[in-house]
């Protein structure tokens, strides 16, 4: 990050999906399953809705995708998350 730049505390669904090379529906399903953190729905005018994710969500999505590619089940990934195997990046 550039000196003096402020870190954005949230990211979009598209950014989370792109980080794991999956679709938006997949990251929403992963979140509902507990593999990704909860997102916040933001309303913006008539019928406009978007989701805000915690800033670490793209990194966690990459981590989840790697575990899935290794052949782990959702239950095994959830257990790994509970054991603290995913380390959230430290903000500076």
PDB file of N, CA and C in Angstrom:
ATOM      1  N   UNK A   1       0.848  -1.173   0.000  1.00  0.00           N
ATOM      2  CA  UNK A   1       0.000   0.000   0.000  1.00  0.00           C
ATOM      3  C   UNK A   1       0.894   1.237   0.000  1.00  0.00           C
ATOM      4  N   UNK A   2       0.503   2.250  -0.731  1.00  0.00           N
ATOM      5  CA  UNK A   2       1.285   3.468  -0.843  1.00  0.00           C
ATOM      6  C   UNK A   2       1.299   4.217   0.490  1.00  0.00           C
ATOM      7  N   UNK A   3       2.414   4.896   0.791  1.00  0.00           N
ATOM      8  CA  UNK A   3       2.470   5.671   2.039  1.00  0.00           C
ATOM      9  C   UNK A   3       1.334   6.690   2.085  1.00  0.00           C
ATOM     10  N   UNK A   4       0.679   6.759   3.205  1.00  0.00           N
ATOM     11  CA  UNK A   4      -0.417   7.712   3.383  1.00  0.00           C
ATOM     12  C   UNK A   4      -1.750   7.223   2.859  1.00  0.00           C
ATOM     13  N   UNK A   5      -1.746   6.103   2.127  1.00  0.00           N
ATOM     14  CA  UNK A   5      -3.005   5.555   1.614  1.00  0.00           C
ATOM     15  C   UNK A   5      -3.758   4.899   2.759  1.00  0.00           C
ATOM     16  N   UNK A   6      -5.052   5.028   2.718  1.00  0.00           N
ATOM     17  CA  UNK A   6      -5.885   4.457   3.772  1.00  0.00           C
ATOM     18  C   UNK A   6      -6.446   3.123   3.303  1.00  0.00           C
ATOM     19  N   UNK A   7      -6.349   2.113   4.163  1.00  0.00           N
ATOM     20  CA  UNK A   7      -6.873   0.791   3.825  1.00  0.00           C
ATOM     21  C   UNK A   7      -8.391   0.812   3.867  1.00  0.00           C
ATOM     22  N   UNK A   8      -9.015   0.272   2.820  1.00  0.00           N
ATOM     23  CA  UNK A   8     -10.468   0.159   2.790  1.00  0.00           C
ATOM     24  C   UNK A   8     -10.847  -1.034   3.655  1.00  0.00           C
ATOM     25  N   UNK A   9     -11.753  -0.863   4.619  1.00  0.00           N
ATOM     26  CA  UNK A   9     -12.075  -1.942   5.550  1.00  0.00           C
ATOM     27  C   UNK A   9     -12.988  -3.018   4.966  1.00  0.00           C
ATOM     28  N   UNK A  10     -13.376  -2.892   3.701  1.00  0.00           N
ATOM     29  CA  UNK A  10     -14.276  -3.866   3.120  1.00  0.00           C
ATOM     30  C   UNK A  10     -13.968  -4.032   1.634  1.00  0.00           C
ATOM     31  N   UNK A  11     -14.451  -5.144   1.080  1.00  0.00           N
ATOM     32  CA  UNK A  11     -14.284  -5.430  -0.343  1.00  0.00           C
ATOM     33  C   UNK A  11     -15.618  -5.908  -0.904  1.00  0.00           C
ATOM     34  N   UNK A  12     -15.706  -6.017  -2.219  1.00  0.00           N
ATOM     35  CA  UNK A  12     -16.944  -6.424  -2.867  1.00  0.00           C
ATOM     36  C   UNK A  12     -16.986  -7.941  -3.084  1.00  0.00           C
ATOM     37  N   UNK A  13     -18.169  -8.427  -3.382  1.00  0.00           N
ATOM     38  CA  UNK A  13     -18.337  -9.844  -3.702  1.00  0.00           C
ATOM     39  C   UNK A  13     -17.478 -10.216  -4.902  1.00  0.00           C
ATOM     40  N   UNK A  14     -17.422  -9.346  -5.879  1.00  0.00           N
ATOM     41  CA  UNK A  14     -16.637  -9.613  -7.079  1.00  0.00           C
ATOM     42  C   UNK A  14     -15.160  -9.758  -6.753  1.00  0.00           C
ATOM     43  N   UNK A  15     -14.650  -8.945  -5.831  1.00  0.00           N
ATOM     44  CA  UNK A  15     -13.244  -9.042  -5.433  1.00  0.00           C
ATOM     45  C   UNK A  15     -12.968 -10.357  -4.702  1.00  0.00           C
ATOM     46  N   UNK A  16     -13.893 -10.771  -3.852  1.00  0.00           N
ATOM     47  CA  UNK A  16     -13.733 -12.033  -3.122  1.00  0.00           C
ATOM     48  C   UNK A  16     -13.754 -13.195  -4.112  1.00  0.00           C
ATOM     49  N   UNK A  17     -14.704 -13.180  -5.039  1.00  0.00           N
ATOM     50  CA  UNK A  17     -14.824 -14.251  -6.031  1.00  0.00           C
ATOM     51  C   UNK A  17     -13.585 -14.307  -6.928  1.00  0.00           C
ATOM     52  N   UNK A  18     -13.109 -13.165  -7.369  1.00  0.00           N
ATOM     53  CA  UNK A  18     -11.937 -13.127  -8.248  1.00  0.00           C
ATOM     54  C   UNK A  18     -10.696 -13.677  -7.544  1.00  0.00           C
ATOM     55  N   UNK A  19     -10.576 -13.411  -6.266  1.00  0.00           N
ATOM     56  CA  UNK A  19      -9.412 -13.885  -5.517  1.00  0.00           C
ATOM     57  C   UNK A  19      -9.321 -15.403  -5.509  1.00  0.00           C
ATOM     58  N   UNK A  20     -10.472 -16.073  -5.508  1.00  0.00           N
ATOM     59  CA  UNK A  20     -10.493 -17.538  -5.470  1.00  0.00           C
ATOM     60  C   UNK A  20     -10.781 -18.140  -6.843  1.00  0.00           C
ATOM     61  N   UNK A  21     -10.946 -17.286  -7.848  1.00  0.00           N
ATOM     62  CA  UNK A  21     -11.252 -17.729  -9.205  1.00  0.00           C
ATOM     63  C   UNK A  21     -12.531 -18.566  -9.235  1.00  0.00           C
ATOM     64  N   UNK A  22     -13.568 -18.044  -8.563  1.00  0.00           N
ATOM     65  CA  UNK A  22     -14.881 -18.688  -8.539  1.00  0.00           C
ATOM     66  C   UNK A  22     -15.936 -17.623  -8.809  1.00  0.00           C
ATOM     67  N   UNK A  23     -17.175 -18.022  -8.937  1.00  0.00           N
ATOM     68  CA  UNK A  23     -18.263 -17.091  -9.175  1.00  0.00           C
ATOM     69  C   UNK A  23     -18.821 -16.499  -7.889  1.00  0.00           C
ATOM     70  N   UNK A  24     -19.605 -15.452  -8.052  1.00  0.00           N
ATOM     71  CA  UNK A  24     -20.209 -14.767  -6.904  1.00  0.00           C
ATOM     72  C   UNK A  24     -21.125 -15.703  -6.112  1.00  0.00           C
ATOM     73  N   UNK A  25     -21.888 -16.550  -6.804  1.00  0.00           N
ATOM     74  CA  UNK A  25     -22.786 -17.473  -6.099  1.00  0.00           C
ATOM     75  C   UNK A  25     -21.994 -18.439  -5.220  1.00  0.00           C
ATOM     76  N   UNK A  26     -20.809 -18.805  -5.673  1.00  0.00           N
ATOM     77  CA  UNK A  26     -19.979 -19.721  -4.891  1.00  0.00           C
ATOM     78  C   UNK A  26     -19.545 -19.072  -3.585  1.00  0.00           C
ATOM     79  N   UNK A  27     -19.077 -17.816  -3.626  1.00  0.00           N
ATOM     80  CA  UNK A  27     -18.624 -17.190  -2.379  1.00  0.00           C
ATOM     81  C   UNK A  27     -19.796 -16.933  -1.441  1.00  0.00           C
ATOM     82  N   UNK A  28     -20.965 -16.647  -1.997  1.00  0.00           N
ATOM     83  CA  UNK A  28     -22.138 -16.479  -1.143  1.00  0.00           C
ATOM     84  C   UNK A  28     -22.487 -17.805  -0.466  1.00  0.00           C
ATOM     85  N   UNK A  29     -22.393 -18.918  -1.205  1.00  0.00           N
ATOM     86  CA  UNK A  29     -22.642 -20.247  -0.624  1.00  0.00           C
ATOM     87  C   UNK A  29     -21.586 -20.581   0.426  1.00  0.00           C
ATOM     88  N   UNK A  30     -20.323 -20.270   0.138  1.00  0.00           N
ATOM     89  CA  UNK A  30     -19.257 -20.517   1.117  1.00  0.00           C
ATOM     90  C   UNK A  30     -19.507 -19.737   2.398  1.00  0.00           C
ATOM     91  N   UNK A  31     -19.970 -18.494   2.261  1.00  0.00           N
ATOM     92  CA  UNK A  31     -20.250 -17.685   3.447  1.00  0.00           C
ATOM     93  C   UNK A  31     -21.405 -18.295   4.242  1.00  0.00           C
ATOM     94  N   UNK A  32     -22.444 -18.694   3.548  1.00  0.00           N
ATOM     95  CA  UNK A  32     -23.603 -19.306   4.218  1.00  0.00           C
ATOM     96  C   UNK A  32     -23.206 -20.596   4.936  1.00  0.00           C
ATOM     97  N   UNK A  33     -22.211 -21.306   4.383  1.00  0.00           N
ATOM     98  CA  UNK A  33     -21.727 -22.559   4.974  1.00  0.00           C
ATOM     99  C   UNK A  33     -20.742 -22.333   6.110  1.00  0.00           C
ATOM    100  N   UNK A  34     -20.291 -21.078   6.283  1.00  0.00           N
ATOM    101  CA  UNK A  34     -19.348 -20.768   7.346  1.00  0.00           C
ATOM    102  C   UNK A  34     -17.885 -20.799   6.929  1.00  0.00           C
ATOM    103  N   UNK A  35     -17.622 -21.049   5.636  1.00  0.00           N
ATOM    104  CA  UNK A  35     -16.242 -21.093   5.157  1.00  0.00           C
ATOM    105  C   UNK A  35     -15.646 -19.698   4.998  1.00  0.00           C
ATOM    106  N   UNK A  36     -16.499 -18.712   4.781  1.00  0.00           N
ATOM    107  CA  UNK A  36     -16.072 -17.318   4.653  1.00  0.00           C
ATOM    108  C   UNK A  36     -16.808 -16.488   5.698  1.00  0.00           C
ATOM    109  N   UNK A  37     -16.260 -15.328   6.032  1.00  0.00           N
ATOM    110  CA  UNK A  37     -16.934 -14.476   7.018  1.00  0.00           C
ATOM    111  C   UNK A  37     -18.274 -13.966   6.483  1.00  0.00           C
ATOM    112  N   UNK A  38     -19.109 -13.543   7.383  1.00  0.00           N
ATOM    113  CA  UNK A  38     -20.398 -12.962   7.005  1.00  0.00           C
ATOM    114  C   UNK A  38     -20.172 -11.648   6.267  1.00  0.00           C
ATOM    115  N   UNK A  39     -21.071 -11.353   5.361  1.00  0.00           N
ATOM    116  CA  UNK A  39     -21.012 -10.090   4.632  1.00  0.00           C
ATOM    117  C   UNK A  39     -22.176  -9.214   5.073  1.00  0.00           C
ATOM    118  N   UNK A  40     -22.073  -7.945   4.767  1.00  0.00           N
ATOM    119  CA  UNK A  40     -23.115  -6.985   5.121  1.00  0.00           C
ATOM    120  C   UNK A  40     -23.799  -6.531   3.839  1.00  0.00           C
ATOM    121  N   UNK A  41     -25.121  -6.579   3.803  1.00  0.00           N
ATOM    122  CA  UNK A  41     -25.872  -6.120   2.635  1.00  0.00           C
ATOM    123  C   UNK A  41     -26.065  -4.614   2.754  1.00  0.00           C
ATOM    124  N   UNK A  42     -25.705  -3.919   1.685  1.00  0.00           N
ATOM    125  CA  UNK A  42     -25.836  -2.464   1.621  1.00  0.00           C
ATOM    126  C   UNK A  42     -26.919  -2.133   0.600  1.00  0.00           C
ATOM    127  N   UNK A  43     -27.843  -1.327   0.997  1.00  0.00           N
ATOM    128  CA  UNK A  43     -28.913  -0.912   0.084  1.00  0.00           C
ATOM    129  C   UNK A  43     -28.565   0.460  -0.465  1.00  0.00           C
ATOM    130  N   UNK A  44     -28.777   0.625  -1.778  1.00  0.00           N
ATOM    131  CA  UNK A  44     -28.438   1.898  -2.414  1.00  0.00           C
ATOM    132  C   UNK A  44     -29.480   2.314  -3.417  1.00  0.00           C
ATOM    133  N   UNK A  45     -30.579   2.836  -2.965  1.00  0.00           N
ATOM    134  CA  UNK A  45     -31.611   3.289  -3.883  1.00  0.00           C
ATOM    135  C   UNK A  45     -32.632   2.202  -4.168  1.00  0.00           C
ATOM    136  N   UNK A  46     -33.399   2.412  -5.198  1.00  0.00           N
ATOM    137  CA  UNK A  46     -34.470   1.495  -5.557  1.00  0.00           C
ATOM    138  C   UNK A  46     -33.879   0.180  -6.058  1.00  0.00           C
ATOM    139  N   UNK A  47     -34.149  -0.884  -5.341  1.00  0.00           N
ATOM    140  CA  UNK A  47     -33.743  -2.250  -5.680  1.00  0.00           C
ATOM    141  C   UNK A  47     -32.241  -2.466  -5.788  1.00  0.00           C
ATOM    142  N   UNK A  48     -31.438  -1.492  -5.497  1.00  0.00           N
ATOM    143  CA  UNK A  48     -29.985  -1.670  -5.590  1.00  0.00           C
ATOM    144  C   UNK A  48     -29.461  -2.251  -4.279  1.00  0.00           C
ATOM    145  N   UNK A  49     -28.774  -3.367  -4.397  1.00  0.00           N
ATOM    146  CA  UNK A  49     -28.188  -4.015  -3.229  1.00  0.00           C
ATOM    147  C   UNK A  49     -26.789  -4.483  -3.597  1.00  0.00           C
ATOM    148  N   UNK A  50     -25.919  -4.398  -2.646  1.00  0.00           N
ATOM    149  CA  UNK A  50     -24.582  -4.955  -2.831  1.00  0.00           C
ATOM    150  C   UNK A  50     -24.114  -5.480  -1.487  1.00  0.00           C
ATOM    151  N   UNK A  51     -23.031  -6.221  -1.517  1.00  0.00           N
ATOM    152  CA  UNK A  51     -22.513  -6.809  -0.285  1.00  0.00           C
ATOM    153  C   UNK A  51     -21.137  -6.234   0.020  1.00  0.00           C
ATOM    154  N   UNK A  52     -20.894  -5.990   1.280  1.00  0.00           N
ATOM    155  CA  UNK A  52     -19.577  -5.589   1.761  1.00  0.00           C
ATOM    156  C   UNK A  52     -19.010  -6.754   2.565  1.00  0.00           C
ATOM    157  N   UNK A  53     -17.769  -7.090   2.269  1.00  0.00           N
ATOM    158  CA  UNK A  53     -17.079  -8.178   2.957  1.00  0.00           C
ATOM    159  C   UNK A  53     -15.927  -7.602   3.753  1.00  0.00           C
ATOM    160  N   UNK A  54     -15.538  -8.255   4.839  1.00  0.00           N
ATOM    161  CA  UNK A  54     -14.346  -7.819   5.572  1.00  0.00           C
ATOM    162  C   UNK A  54     -13.131  -7.847   4.638  1.00  0.00           C
ATOM    163  N   UNK A  55     -12.173  -6.983   4.885  1.00  0.00           N
ATOM    164  CA  UNK A  55     -11.011  -6.842   4.001  1.00  0.00           C
ATOM    165  C   UNK A  55     -10.214  -8.134   3.849  1.00  0.00           C
ATOM    166  N   UNK A  56     -10.272  -9.029   4.825  1.00  0.00           N
ATOM    167  CA  UNK A  56      -9.506 -10.275   4.726  1.00  0.00           C
ATOM    168  C   UNK A  56     -10.232 -11.364   3.932  1.00  0.00           C
ATOM    169  N   UNK A  57     -11.456 -11.124   3.507  1.00  0.00           N
ATOM    170  CA  UNK A  57     -12.244 -12.156   2.822  1.00  0.00           C
ATOM    171  C   UNK A  57     -11.589 -12.693   1.543  1.00  0.00           C
ATOM    172  N   UNK A  58     -10.970 -11.856   0.699  1.00  0.00           N
ATOM    173  CA  UNK A  58     -10.329 -12.435  -0.491  1.00  0.00           C
ATOM    174  C   UNK A  58      -9.216 -13.429  -0.143  1.00  0.00           C
ATOM    175  N   UNK A  59      -8.415 -13.105   0.858  1.00  0.00           N
ATOM    176  CA  UNK A  59      -7.346 -14.019   1.268  1.00  0.00           C
ATOM    177  C   UNK A  59      -7.931 -15.312   1.824  1.00  0.00           C
ATOM    178  N   UNK A  60      -9.000 -15.210   2.592  1.00  0.00           N
ATOM    179  CA  UNK A  60      -9.641 -16.406   3.136  1.00  0.00           C
ATOM    180  C   UNK A  60     -10.263 -17.224   2.010  1.00  0.00           C
ATOM    181  N   UNK A  61     -10.836 -16.572   1.004  1.00  0.00           N
ATOM    182  CA  UNK A  61     -11.415 -17.294  -0.133  1.00  0.00           C
ATOM    183  C   UNK A  61     -10.326 -18.059  -0.890  1.00  0.00           C
ATOM    184  N   UNK A  62      -9.150 -17.440  -1.074  1.00  0.00           N
ATOM    185  CA  UNK A  62      -8.026 -18.146  -1.717  1.00  0.00           C
ATOM    186  C   UNK A  62      -7.628 -19.367  -0.889  1.00  0.00           C
ATOM    187  N   UNK A  63      -7.588 -19.192   0.425  1.00  0.00           N
ATOM    188  CA  UNK A  63      -7.221 -20.280   1.332  1.00  0.00           C
ATOM    189  C   UNK A  63      -8.236 -21.426   1.234  1.00  0.00           C
ATOM    190  N   UNK A  64      -9.530 -21.086   1.246  1.00  0.00           N
ATOM    191  CA  UNK A  64     -10.592 -22.099   1.134  1.00  0.00           C
ATOM    192  C   UNK A  64     -10.472 -22.828  -0.197  1.00  0.00           C
ATOM    193  N   UNK A  65     -10.286 -22.075  -1.281  1.00  0.00           N
ATOM    194  CA  UNK A  65     -10.174 -22.696  -2.609  1.00  0.00           C
ATOM    195  C   UNK A  65      -9.001 -23.671  -2.646  1.00  0.00           C
ATOM    196  N   UNK A  66      -7.881 -23.308  -2.046  1.00  0.00           N
ATOM    197  CA  UNK A  66      -6.719 -24.199  -2.021  1.00  0.00           C
ATOM    198  C   UNK A  66      -7.040 -25.486  -1.278  1.00  0.00           C
ATOM    199  N   UNK A  67      -7.786 -25.398  -0.166  1.00  0.00           N
ATOM    200  CA  UNK A  67      -8.158 -26.595   0.583  1.00  0.00           C
ATOM    201  C   UNK A  67      -9.104 -27.480  -0.231  1.00  0.00           C
ATOM    202  N   UNK A  68     -10.043 -26.848  -0.940  1.00  0.00           N
ATOM    203  CA  UNK A  68     -10.966 -27.608  -1.791  1.00  0.00           C
ATOM    204  C   UNK A  68     -10.176 -28.305  -2.907  1.00  0.00           C
ATOM    205  N   UNK A  69      -9.243 -27.579  -3.511  1.00  0.00           N
ATOM    206  CA  UNK A  69      -8.404 -28.166  -4.565  1.00  0.00           C
ATOM    207  C   UNK A  69      -7.566 -29.334  -4.032  1.00  0.00           C
ATOM    208  N   UNK A  70      -7.238 -29.292  -2.726  1.00  0.00           N
ATOM    209  CA  UNK A  70      -6.494 -30.390  -2.097  1.00  0.00           C
ATOM    210  C   UNK A  70      -7.384 -31.589  -1.780  1.00  0.00           C
ATOM    211  N   UNK A  71      -8.707 -31.439  -1.991  1.00  0.00           N
ATOM    212  CA  UNK A  71      -9.622 -32.550  -1.787  1.00  0.00           C
ATOM    213  C   UNK A  71     -10.328 -32.568  -0.443  1.00  0.00           C
ATOM    214  N   UNK A  72     -10.200 -31.496   0.360  1.00  0.00           N
ATOM    215  CA  UNK A  72     -10.870 -31.456   1.648  1.00  0.00           C
ATOM    216  C   UNK A  72     -12.364 -31.191   1.463  1.00  0.00           C
ATOM    217  N   UNK A  73     -13.164 -31.714   2.376  1.00  0.00           N
ATOM    218  CA  UNK A  73     -14.607 -31.469   2.379  1.00  0.00           C
ATOM    219  C   UNK A  73     -14.886 -30.167   3.125  1.00  0.00           C
ATOM    220  N   UNK A  74     -16.112 -29.669   2.978  1.00  0.00           N
ATOM    221  CA  UNK A  74     -16.493 -28.464   3.721  1.00  0.00           C
ATOM    222  C   UNK A  74     -16.319 -28.698   5.218  1.00  0.00           C
ATOM    223  N   UNK A  75     -16.717 -29.863   5.701  1.00  0.00           N
ATOM    224  CA  UNK A  75     -16.602 -30.159   7.136  1.00  0.00           C
ATOM    225  C   UNK A  75     -15.140 -30.117   7.575  1.00  0.00           C
ATOM    226  N   UNK A  76     -14.242 -30.643   6.764  1.00  0.00           N
ATOM    227  CA  UNK A  76     -12.817 -30.629   7.107  1.00  0.00           C
ATOM    228  C   UNK A  76     -12.252 -29.205   7.086  1.00  0.00           C
ATOM    229  N   UNK A  77     -12.719 -28.397   6.144  1.00  0.00           N
ATOM    230  CA  UNK A  77     -12.258 -27.008   6.071  1.00  0.00           C
ATOM    231  C   UNK A  77     -12.785 -26.219   7.267  1.00  0.00           C
ATOM    232  N   UNK A  78     -14.043 -26.444   7.639  1.00  0.00           N
ATOM    233  CA  UNK A  78     -14.609 -25.781   8.821  1.00  0.00           C
ATOM    234  C   UNK A  78     -13.814 -26.141  10.070  1.00  0.00           C
ATOM    235  N   UNK A  79     -13.444 -27.409  10.197  1.00  0.00           N
ATOM    236  CA  UNK A  79     -12.651 -27.844  11.350  1.00  0.00           C
ATOM    237  C   UNK A  79     -11.286 -27.161  11.344  1.00  0.00           C
ATOM    238  N   UNK A  80     -10.683 -27.027  10.182  1.00  0.00           N
ATOM    239  CA  UNK A  80      -9.391 -26.342  10.076  1.00  0.00           C
ATOM    240  C   UNK A  80      -9.530 -24.874  10.469  1.00  0.00           C
ATOM    241  N   UNK A  81     -10.619 -24.234  10.057  1.00  0.00           N
ATOM    242  CA  UNK A  81     -10.866 -22.843  10.453  1.00  0.00           C
ATOM    243  C   UNK A  81     -11.013 -22.728  11.967  1.00  0.00           C
ATOM    244  N   UNK A  82     -11.734 -23.669  12.563  1.00  0.00           N
ATOM    245  CA  UNK A  82     -11.932 -23.651  14.016  1.00  0.00           C
ATOM    246  C   UNK A  82     -10.613 -23.859  14.760  1.00  0.00           C
ATOM    247  N   UNK A  83      -9.707 -24.632  14.179  1.00  0.00           N
ATOM    248  CA  UNK A  83      -8.380 -24.833  14.780  1.00  0.00           C
ATOM    249  C   UNK A  83      -7.463 -23.641  14.575  1.00  0.00           C
ATOM    250  N   UNK A  84      -7.908 -22.675  13.765  1.00  0.00           N
ATOM    251  CA  UNK A  84      -7.107 -21.477  13.536  1.00  0.00           C
ATOM    252  C   UNK A  84      -6.053 -21.629  12.450  1.00  0.00           C
ATOM    253  N   UNK A  85      -6.255 -22.559  11.540  1.00  0.00           N
ATOM    254  CA  UNK A  85      -5.271 -22.781  10.487  1.00  0.00           C
ATOM    255  C   UNK A  85      -5.204 -21.630   9.481  1.00  0.00           C
ATOM    256  N   UNK A  86      -6.324 -20.911   9.298  1.00  0.00           N
ATOM    257  CA  UNK A  86      -6.281 -19.715   8.457  1.00  0.00           C
ATOM    258  C   UNK A  86      -5.908 -18.547   9.351  1.00  0.00           C
ATOM    259  N   UNK A  87      -4.836 -17.876   9.005  1.00  0.00           N
ATOM    260  CA  UNK A  87      -4.369 -16.701   9.760  1.00  0.00           C
ATOM    261  C   UNK A  87      -4.771 -15.444   9.007  1.00  0.00           C
ATOM    262  N   UNK A  88      -5.638 -14.647   9.616  1.00  0.00           N
ATOM    263  CA  UNK A  88      -6.040 -13.380   9.000  1.00  0.00           C
ATOM    264  C   UNK A  88      -4.829 -12.480   8.841  1.00  0.00           C
ATOM    265  N   UNK A  89      -4.714 -11.834   7.663  1.00  0.00           N
ATOM    266  CA  UNK A  89      -3.599 -10.894   7.481  1.00  0.00           C
ATOM    267  C   UNK A  89      -3.671  -9.765   8.492  1.00  0.00           C
ATOM    268  N   UNK A  90      -2.512  -9.334   8.950  1.00  0.00           N
ATOM    269  CA  UNK A  90      -2.433  -8.246   9.926  1.00  0.00           C
ATOM    270  C   UNK A  90      -2.475  -6.914   9.169  1.00  0.00           C
ATOM    271  N   UNK A  91      -3.383  -6.031   9.555  1.00  0.00           N
ATOM    272  CA  UNK A  91      -3.464  -4.696   8.958  1.00  0.00           C
ATOM    273  C   UNK A  91      -2.346  -3.827   9.484  1.00  0.00           C
ATOM    274  N   UNK A  92      -1.858  -2.970   8.611  1.00  0.00           N
ATOM    275  CA  UNK A  92      -0.807  -2.044   9.042  1.00  0.00           C
ATOM    276  C   UNK A  92      -1.333  -0.652   9.179  1.00  0.00           C
TER     277      UNK A  92
END
